[in-house]
Amino acid sequence: LDRSFLTLCMAASHLSAIKMQFENIPDNVYLIRGLMDEGQQIDIPDPVGLSLHAYEVCRDAVAAAIPSIIDFLKENYPKQDC
């Protein structure tokens, strides 16, 4: 976690689990949908142990968030000349 430049969680419960395991979590831990425009349900339900349909719903929710994740990365981690 300390070595990642960005950590994305699907649900608030995942973020809470991270907070319980680590004394000081870095500022770069976010909810995936927290990077999207408001009006979206924040949590992406965890499909573990559920049906294929639950996994498809999860996949679609993550896929819908990708443009916002890319925008966030471009804004906060600009390309650097090497």
PDB file of N, CA and C in Angstrom:
ATOM      1  N   LEU A   1       0.837  -1.194   0.000  1.00  0.00           N
ATOM      2  CA  LEU A   1       0.000   0.000   0.000  1.00  0.00           C
ATOM      3  C   LEU A   1       0.878   1.252   0.000  1.00  0.00           C
ATOM      4  N   ASP A   2       1.958   1.217   0.752  1.00  0.00           N
ATOM      5  CA  ASP A   2       2.852   2.374   0.809  1.00  0.00           C
ATOM      6  C   ASP A   2       3.559   2.630  -0.517  1.00  0.00           C
ATOM      7  N   ARG A   3       3.719   1.582  -1.327  1.00  0.00           N
ATOM      8  CA  ARG A   3       4.441   1.732  -2.587  1.00  0.00           C
ATOM      9  C   ARG A   3       3.535   2.035  -3.769  1.00  0.00           C
ATOM     10  N   SER A   4       2.235   1.996  -3.576  1.00  0.00           N
ATOM     11  CA  SER A   4       1.324   2.264  -4.690  1.00  0.00           C
ATOM     12  C   SER A   4       1.127   3.770  -4.850  1.00  0.00           C
ATOM     13  N   PHE A   5       0.960   4.194  -6.090  1.00  0.00           N
ATOM     14  CA  PHE A   5       0.675   5.606  -6.286  1.00  0.00           C
ATOM     15  C   PHE A   5      -0.826   5.855  -6.292  1.00  0.00           C
ATOM     16  N   LEU A   6      -1.632   4.788  -6.386  1.00  0.00           N
ATOM     17  CA  LEU A   6      -3.083   4.908  -6.346  1.00  0.00           C
ATOM     18  C   LEU A   6      -3.668   3.561  -5.941  1.00  0.00           C
ATOM     19  N   THR A   7      -4.585   3.582  -4.991  1.00  0.00           N
ATOM     20  CA  THR A   7      -5.300   2.383  -4.581  1.00  0.00           C
ATOM     21  C   THR A   7      -6.782   2.661  -4.715  1.00  0.00           C
ATOM     22  N   LEU A   8      -7.480   1.791  -5.440  1.00  0.00           N
ATOM     23  CA  LEU A   8      -8.912   1.964  -5.664  1.00  0.00           C
ATOM     24  C   LEU A   8      -9.680   0.841  -4.985  1.00  0.00           C
ATOM     25  N   CYS A   9     -10.718   1.206  -4.259  1.00  0.00           N
ATOM     26  CA  CYS A   9     -11.577   0.241  -3.566  1.00  0.00           C
ATOM     27  C   CYS A   9     -12.957   0.252  -4.215  1.00  0.00           C
ATOM     28  N   MET A  10     -13.595  -0.911  -4.230  1.00  0.00           N
ATOM     29  CA  MET A  10     -14.933  -0.994  -4.810  1.00  0.00           C
ATOM     30  C   MET A  10     -15.998  -0.474  -3.845  1.00  0.00           C
ATOM     31  N   ALA A  11     -15.820  -0.723  -2.568  1.00  0.00           N
ATOM     32  CA  ALA A  11     -16.871  -0.402  -1.608  1.00  0.00           C
ATOM     33  C   ALA A  11     -16.282   0.215  -0.342  1.00  0.00           C
ATOM     34  N   ALA A  12     -17.130   0.942   0.363  1.00  0.00           N
ATOM     35  CA  ALA A  12     -16.708   1.564   1.619  1.00  0.00           C
ATOM     36  C   ALA A  12     -16.240   0.503   2.613  1.00  0.00           C
ATOM     37  N   SER A  13     -16.820  -0.688   2.561  1.00  0.00           N
ATOM     38  CA  SER A  13     -16.397  -1.752   3.467  1.00  0.00           C
ATOM     39  C   SER A  13     -14.959  -2.181   3.173  1.00  0.00           C
ATOM     40  N   HIS A  14     -14.553  -2.132   1.903  1.00  0.00           N
ATOM     41  CA  HIS A  14     -13.166  -2.454   1.556  1.00  0.00           C
ATOM     42  C   HIS A  14     -12.223  -1.385   2.101  1.00  0.00           C
ATOM     43  N   LEU A  15     -12.630  -0.132   1.973  1.00  0.00           N
ATOM     44  CA  LEU A  15     -11.837   0.973   2.505  1.00  0.00           C
ATOM     45  C   LEU A  15     -11.736   0.873   4.027  1.00  0.00           C
ATOM     46  N   SER A  16     -12.813   0.494   4.675  1.00  0.00           N
ATOM     47  CA  SER A  16     -12.803   0.312   6.134  1.00  0.00           C
ATOM     48  C   SER A  16     -11.854  -0.809   6.545  1.00  0.00           C
ATOM     49  N   ALA A  17     -11.826  -1.887   5.746  1.00  0.00           N
ATOM     50  CA  ALA A  17     -10.916  -2.995   6.045  1.00  0.00           C
ATOM     51  C   ALA A  17      -9.469  -2.542   5.945  1.00  0.00           C
ATOM     52  N   ILE A  18      -9.167  -1.715   4.969  1.00  0.00           N
ATOM     53  CA  ILE A  18      -7.811  -1.169   4.828  1.00  0.00           C
ATOM     54  C   ILE A  18      -7.474  -0.314   6.049  1.00  0.00           C
ATOM     55  N   LYS A  19      -8.424   0.509   6.465  1.00  0.00           N
ATOM     56  CA  LYS A  19      -8.198   1.379   7.620  1.00  0.00           C
ATOM     57  C   LYS A  19      -7.964   0.577   8.899  1.00  0.00           C
ATOM     58  N   MET A  20      -8.593  -0.591   8.998  1.00  0.00           N
ATOM     59  CA  MET A  20      -8.404  -1.427  10.188  1.00  0.00           C
ATOM     60  C   MET A  20      -7.043  -2.128  10.173  1.00  0.00           C
ATOM     61  N   GLN A  21      -6.519  -2.407   8.985  1.00  0.00           N
ATOM     62  CA  GLN A  21      -5.252  -3.137   8.887  1.00  0.00           C
ATOM     63  C   GLN A  21      -4.029  -2.233   8.922  1.00  0.00           C
ATOM     64  N   PHE A  22      -4.195  -0.980   8.557  1.00  0.00           N
ATOM     65  CA  PHE A  22      -3.061  -0.066   8.482  1.00  0.00           C
ATOM     66  C   PHE A  22      -3.296   1.123   9.393  1.00  0.00           C
ATOM     67  N   GLU A  23      -2.268   1.464  10.131  1.00  0.00           N
ATOM     68  CA  GLU A  23      -2.372   2.574  11.073  1.00  0.00           C
ATOM     69  C   GLU A  23      -2.591   3.903  10.358  1.00  0.00           C
ATOM     70  N   ASN A  24      -1.781   4.171   9.365  1.00  0.00           N
ATOM     71  CA  ASN A  24      -1.879   5.413   8.607  1.00  0.00           C
ATOM     72  C   ASN A  24      -2.002   5.071   7.129  1.00  0.00           C
ATOM     73  N   ILE A  25      -3.212   5.250   6.589  1.00  0.00           N
ATOM     74  CA  ILE A  25      -3.342   4.963   5.164  1.00  0.00           C
ATOM     75  C   ILE A  25      -2.950   6.209   4.372  1.00  0.00           C
ATOM     76  N   PRO A  26      -2.337   6.006   3.218  1.00  0.00           N
ATOM     77  CA  PRO A  26      -1.921   7.145   2.401  1.00  0.00           C
ATOM     78  C   PRO A  26      -3.128   7.906   1.853  1.00  0.00           C
ATOM     79  N   ASP A  27      -2.870   9.111   1.396  1.00  0.00           N
ATOM     80  CA  ASP A  27      -3.932   9.948   0.832  1.00  0.00           C
ATOM     81  C   ASP A  27      -4.401   9.453  -0.526  1.00  0.00           C
ATOM     82  N   ASN A  28      -3.711   8.485  -1.098  1.00  0.00           N
ATOM     83  CA  ASN A  28      -4.023   8.052  -2.459  1.00  0.00           C
ATOM     84  C   ASN A  28      -4.925   6.817  -2.499  1.00  0.00           C
ATOM     85  N   VAL A  29      -5.786   6.648  -1.497  1.00  0.00           N
ATOM     86  CA  VAL A  29      -6.731   5.538  -1.451  1.00  0.00           C
ATOM     87  C   VAL A  29      -8.127   6.121  -1.662  1.00  0.00           C
ATOM     88  N   TYR A  30      -8.813   5.613  -2.689  1.00  0.00           N
ATOM     89  CA  TYR A  30     -10.111   6.162  -3.082  1.00  0.00           C
ATOM     90  C   TYR A  30     -11.111   5.049  -3.365  1.00  0.00           C
ATOM     91  N   LEU A  31     -12.377   5.413  -3.307  1.00  0.00           N
ATOM     92  CA  LEU A  31     -13.423   4.549  -3.830  1.00  0.00           C
ATOM     93  C   LEU A  31     -13.496   4.785  -5.334  1.00  0.00           C
ATOM     94  N   ILE A  32     -13.629   3.706  -6.102  1.00  0.00           N
ATOM     95  CA  ILE A  32     -13.653   3.836  -7.561  1.00  0.00           C
ATOM     96  C   ILE A  32     -14.706   4.845  -8.001  1.00  0.00           C
ATOM     97  N   ARG A  33     -15.907   4.679  -7.511  1.00  0.00           N
ATOM     98  CA  ARG A  33     -16.980   5.595  -7.920  1.00  0.00           C
ATOM     99  C   ARG A  33     -16.865   6.951  -7.245  1.00  0.00           C
ATOM    100  N   GLY A  34     -16.017   7.067  -6.257  1.00  0.00           N
ATOM    101  CA  GLY A  34     -15.789   8.362  -5.640  1.00  0.00           C
ATOM    102  C   GLY A  34     -15.093   9.327  -6.586  1.00  0.00           C
ATOM    103  N   LEU A  35     -14.497   8.793  -7.645  1.00  0.00           N
ATOM    104  CA  LEU A  35     -13.834   9.628  -8.651  1.00  0.00           C
ATOM    105  C   LEU A  35     -14.790  10.063  -9.750  1.00  0.00           C
ATOM    106  N   MET A  36     -16.014   9.537  -9.724  1.00  0.00           N
ATOM    107  CA  MET A  36     -17.005   9.864 -10.753  1.00  0.00           C
ATOM    108  C   MET A  36     -17.809  11.087 -10.331  1.00  0.00           C
ATOM    109  N   ASP A  37     -18.557  11.611 -11.289  1.00  0.00           N
ATOM    110  CA  ASP A  37     -19.467  12.716 -10.977  1.00  0.00           C
ATOM    111  C   ASP A  37     -20.486  12.255  -9.959  1.00  0.00           C
ATOM    112  N   GLU A  38     -20.949  13.185  -9.172  1.00  0.00           N
ATOM    113  CA  GLU A  38     -21.946  12.847  -8.159  1.00  0.00           C
ATOM    114  C   GLU A  38     -23.212  12.317  -8.822  1.00  0.00           C
ATOM    115  N   GLY A  39     -24.029  11.673  -8.054  1.00  0.00           N
ATOM    116  CA  GLY A  39     -25.271  11.113  -8.571  1.00  0.00           C
ATOM    117  C   GLY A  39     -25.178   9.615  -8.770  1.00  0.00           C
ATOM    118  N   GLN A  40     -23.981   9.057  -8.645  1.00  0.00           N
ATOM    119  CA  GLN A  40     -23.789   7.614  -8.757  1.00  0.00           C
ATOM    120  C   GLN A  40     -23.816   7.001  -7.363  1.00  0.00           C
ATOM    121  N   GLN A  41     -24.291   5.767  -7.272  1.00  0.00           N
ATOM    122  CA  GLN A  41     -24.147   5.020  -6.027  1.00  0.00           C
ATOM    123  C   GLN A  41     -22.648   4.853  -5.811  1.00  0.00           C
ATOM    124  N   ILE A  42     -22.158   5.146  -4.631  1.00  0.00           N
ATOM    125  CA  ILE A  42     -20.716   5.117  -4.373  1.00  0.00           C
ATOM    126  C   ILE A  42     -20.161   3.695  -4.368  1.00  0.00           C
ATOM    127  N   ASP A  43     -20.824   2.771  -3.710  1.00  0.00           N
ATOM    128  CA  ASP A  43     -20.301   1.413  -3.611  1.00  0.00           C
ATOM    129  C   ASP A  43     -20.576   0.601  -4.881  1.00  0.00           C
ATOM    130  N   ILE A  44     -19.612  -0.224  -5.233  1.00  0.00           N
ATOM    131  CA  ILE A  44     -19.812  -1.260  -6.243  1.00  0.00           C
ATOM    132  C   ILE A  44     -19.928  -2.546  -5.448  1.00  0.00           C
ATOM    133  N   PRO A  45     -21.089  -3.182  -5.471  1.00  0.00           N
ATOM    134  CA  PRO A  45     -21.273  -4.380  -4.648  1.00  0.00           C
ATOM    135  C   PRO A  45     -20.249  -5.472  -4.971  1.00  0.00           C
ATOM    136  N   ASP A  46     -19.702  -6.072  -3.924  1.00  0.00           N
ATOM    137  CA  ASP A  46     -18.718  -7.134  -4.070  1.00  0.00           C
ATOM    138  C   ASP A  46     -19.447  -8.417  -4.467  1.00  0.00           C
ATOM    139  N   PRO A  47     -19.090  -9.012  -5.613  1.00  0.00           N
ATOM    140  CA  PRO A  47     -19.823 -10.178  -6.095  1.00  0.00           C
ATOM    141  C   PRO A  47     -19.333 -11.525  -5.554  1.00  0.00           C
ATOM    142  N   VAL A  48     -18.356 -11.516  -4.658  1.00  0.00           N
ATOM    143  CA  VAL A  48     -17.761 -12.771  -4.190  1.00  0.00           C
ATOM    144  C   VAL A  48     -18.847 -13.735  -3.705  1.00  0.00           C
ATOM    145  N   GLY A  49     -18.835 -14.928  -4.287  1.00  0.00           N
ATOM    146  CA  GLY A  49     -19.776 -15.972  -3.893  1.00  0.00           C
ATOM    147  C   GLY A  49     -21.156 -15.848  -4.501  1.00  0.00           C
ATOM    148  N   LEU A  50     -21.354 -14.854  -5.341  1.00  0.00           N
ATOM    149  CA  LEU A  50     -22.671 -14.650  -5.945  1.00  0.00           C
ATOM    150  C   LEU A  50     -22.713 -15.209  -7.364  1.00  0.00           C
ATOM    151  N   SER A  51     -23.768 -14.914  -8.066  1.00  0.00           N
ATOM    152  CA  SER A  51     -23.996 -15.446  -9.407  1.00  0.00           C
ATOM    153  C   SER A  51     -23.136 -14.751 -10.460  1.00  0.00           C
ATOM    154  N   LEU A  52     -23.120 -15.347 -11.641  1.00  0.00           N
ATOM    155  CA  LEU A  52     -22.427 -14.740 -12.774  1.00  0.00           C
ATOM    156  C   LEU A  52     -22.985 -13.345 -13.044  1.00  0.00           C
ATOM    157  N   HIS A  53     -24.290 -13.202 -12.907  1.00  0.00           N
ATOM    158  CA  HIS A  53     -24.910 -11.893 -13.142  1.00  0.00           C
ATOM    159  C   HIS A  53     -24.329 -10.839 -12.190  1.00  0.00           C
ATOM    160  N   ALA A  54     -24.095 -11.200 -10.939  1.00  0.00           N
ATOM    161  CA  ALA A  54     -23.515 -10.250  -9.977  1.00  0.00           C
ATOM    162  C   ALA A  54     -22.122  -9.822 -10.425  1.00  0.00           C
ATOM    163  N   TYR A  55     -21.356 -10.755 -10.974  1.00  0.00           N
ATOM    164  CA  TYR A  55     -20.026 -10.420 -11.492  1.00  0.00           C
ATOM    165  C   TYR A  55     -20.131  -9.513 -12.711  1.00  0.00           C
ATOM    166  N   GLU A  56     -21.112  -9.737 -13.547  1.00  0.00           N
ATOM    167  CA  GLU A  56     -21.306  -8.891 -14.733  1.00  0.00           C
ATOM    168  C   GLU A  56     -21.704  -7.475 -14.326  1.00  0.00           C
ATOM    169  N   VAL A  57     -22.548  -7.358 -13.319  1.00  0.00           N
ATOM    170  CA  VAL A  57     -22.935  -6.038 -12.804  1.00  0.00           C
ATOM    171  C   VAL A  57     -21.709  -5.315 -12.256  1.00  0.00           C
ATOM    172  N   CYS A  58     -20.883  -6.031 -11.518  1.00  0.00           N
ATOM    173  CA  CYS A  58     -19.646  -5.466 -10.972  1.00  0.00           C
ATOM    174  C   CYS A  58     -18.726  -5.016 -12.105  1.00  0.00           C
ATOM    175  N   ARG A  59     -18.526  -5.887 -13.080  1.00  0.00           N
ATOM    176  CA  ARG A  59     -17.678  -5.561 -14.241  1.00  0.00           C
ATOM    177  C   ARG A  59     -18.173  -4.301 -14.933  1.00  0.00           C
ATOM    178  N   ASP A  60     -19.467  -4.211 -15.150  1.00  0.00           N
ATOM    179  CA  ASP A  60     -20.031  -3.061 -15.851  1.00  0.00           C
ATOM    180  C   ASP A  60     -19.866  -1.776 -15.038  1.00  0.00           C
ATOM    181  N   ALA A  61     -19.995  -1.883 -13.720  1.00  0.00           N
ATOM    182  CA  ALA A  61     -19.821  -0.712 -12.859  1.00  0.00           C
ATOM    183  C   ALA A  61     -18.376  -0.225 -12.894  1.00  0.00           C
ATOM    184  N   VAL A  62     -17.432  -1.149 -12.863  1.00  0.00           N
ATOM    185  CA  VAL A  62     -16.017  -0.771 -12.929  1.00  0.00           C
ATOM    186  C   VAL A  62     -15.719  -0.174 -14.300  1.00  0.00           C
ATOM    187  N   ALA A  63     -16.222  -0.798 -15.351  1.00  0.00           N
ATOM    188  CA  ALA A  63     -15.993  -0.296 -16.711  1.00  0.00           C
ATOM    189  C   ALA A  63     -16.550   1.118 -16.877  1.00  0.00           C
ATOM    190  N   ALA A  64     -17.703   1.390 -16.297  1.00  0.00           N
ATOM    191  CA  ALA A  64     -18.300   2.728 -16.390  1.00  0.00           C
ATOM    192  C   ALA A  64     -17.446   3.777 -15.685  1.00  0.00           C
ATOM    193  N   ALA A  65     -16.676   3.358 -14.688  1.00  0.00           N
ATOM    194  CA  ALA A  65     -15.838   4.285 -13.923  1.00  0.00           C
ATOM    195  C   ALA A  65     -14.501   4.567 -14.598  1.00  0.00           C
ATOM    196  N   ILE A  66     -14.113   3.757 -15.576  1.00  0.00           N
ATOM    197  CA  ILE A  66     -12.786   3.898 -16.183  1.00  0.00           C
ATOM    198  C   ILE A  66     -12.525   5.296 -16.747  1.00  0.00           C
ATOM    199  N   PRO A  67     -13.449   5.918 -17.472  1.00  0.00           N
ATOM    200  CA  PRO A  67     -13.159   7.278 -17.957  1.00  0.00           C
ATOM    201  C   PRO A  67     -12.841   8.264 -16.827  1.00  0.00           C
ATOM    202  N   SER A  68     -13.547   8.159 -15.720  1.00  0.00           N
ATOM    203  CA  SER A  68     -13.278   9.051 -14.582  1.00  0.00           C
ATOM    204  C   SER A  68     -11.926   8.738 -13.949  1.00  0.00           C
ATOM    205  N   ILE A  69     -11.559   7.468 -13.920  1.00  0.00           N
ATOM    206  CA  ILE A  69     -10.250   7.081 -13.374  1.00  0.00           C
ATOM    207  C   ILE A  69      -9.143   7.646 -14.257  1.00  0.00           C
ATOM    208  N   ILE A  70      -9.317   7.533 -15.563  1.00  0.00           N
ATOM    209  CA  ILE A  70      -8.315   8.066 -16.495  1.00  0.00           C
ATOM    210  C   ILE A  70      -8.190   9.575 -16.347  1.00  0.00           C
ATOM    211  N   ASP A  71      -9.320  10.269 -16.262  1.00  0.00           N
ATOM    212  CA  ASP A  71      -9.284  11.722 -16.060  1.00  0.00           C
ATOM    213  C   ASP A  71      -8.568  12.076 -14.766  1.00  0.00           C
ATOM    214  N   PHE A  72      -8.851  11.335 -13.703  1.00  0.00           N
ATOM    215  CA  PHE A  72      -8.207  11.570 -12.415  1.00  0.00           C
ATOM    216  C   PHE A  72      -6.699  11.387 -12.530  1.00  0.00           C
ATOM    217  N   LEU A  73      -6.285  10.313 -13.198  1.00  0.00           N
ATOM    218  CA  LEU A  73      -4.853  10.057 -13.362  1.00  0.00           C
ATOM    219  C   LEU A  73      -4.182  11.162 -14.168  1.00  0.00           C
ATOM    220  N   LYS A  74      -4.809  11.589 -15.242  1.00  0.00           N
ATOM    221  CA  LYS A  74      -4.238  12.656 -16.067  1.00  0.00           C
ATOM    222  C   LYS A  74      -4.093  13.955 -15.275  1.00  0.00           C
ATOM    223  N   GLU A  75      -5.087  14.233 -14.443  1.00  0.00           N
ATOM    224  CA  GLU A  75      -5.099  15.466 -13.666  1.00  0.00           C
ATOM    225  C   GLU A  75      -4.099  15.445 -12.514  1.00  0.00           C
ATOM    226  N   ASN A  76      -3.968  14.294 -11.867  1.00  0.00           N
ATOM    227  CA  ASN A  76      -3.152  14.210 -10.655  1.00  0.00           C
ATOM    228  C   ASN A  76      -1.776  13.594 -10.843  1.00  0.00           C
ATOM    229  N   TYR A  77      -1.581  12.929 -11.957  1.00  0.00           N
ATOM    230  CA  TYR A  77      -0.303  12.288 -12.249  1.00  0.00           C
ATOM    231  C   TYR A  77       0.092  12.616 -13.685  1.00  0.00           C
ATOM    232  N   PRO A  78       0.399  13.880 -13.941  1.00  0.00           N
ATOM    233  CA  PRO A  78       0.716  14.270 -15.326  1.00  0.00           C
ATOM    234  C   PRO A  78       1.928  13.524 -15.848  1.00  0.00           C
ATOM    235  N   LYS A  79       1.931  13.357 -17.161  1.00  0.00           N
ATOM    236  CA  LYS A  79       3.047  12.677 -17.814  1.00  0.00           C
ATOM    237  C   LYS A  79       4.330  13.449 -17.533  1.00  0.00           C
ATOM    238  N   GLN A  80       5.349  12.703 -17.165  1.00  0.00           N
ATOM    239  CA  GLN A  80       6.628  13.333 -16.857  1.00  0.00           C
ATOM    240  C   GLN A  80       7.636  12.930 -17.910  1.00  0.00           C
ATOM    241  N   ASP A  81       8.494  13.869 -18.297  1.00  0.00           N
ATOM    242  CA  ASP A  81       9.554  13.546 -19.232  1.00  0.00           C
ATOM    243  C   ASP A  81      10.595  12.709 -18.517  1.00  0.00           C
ATOM    244  N   CYS A  82      11.036  11.645 -19.161  1.00  0.00           N
ATOM    245  CA  CYS A  82      12.041  10.766 -18.559  1.00  0.00           C
ATOM    246  C   CYS A  82      13.395  11.030 -19.172  1.00  0.00           C
TER     247      CYS A  82
END
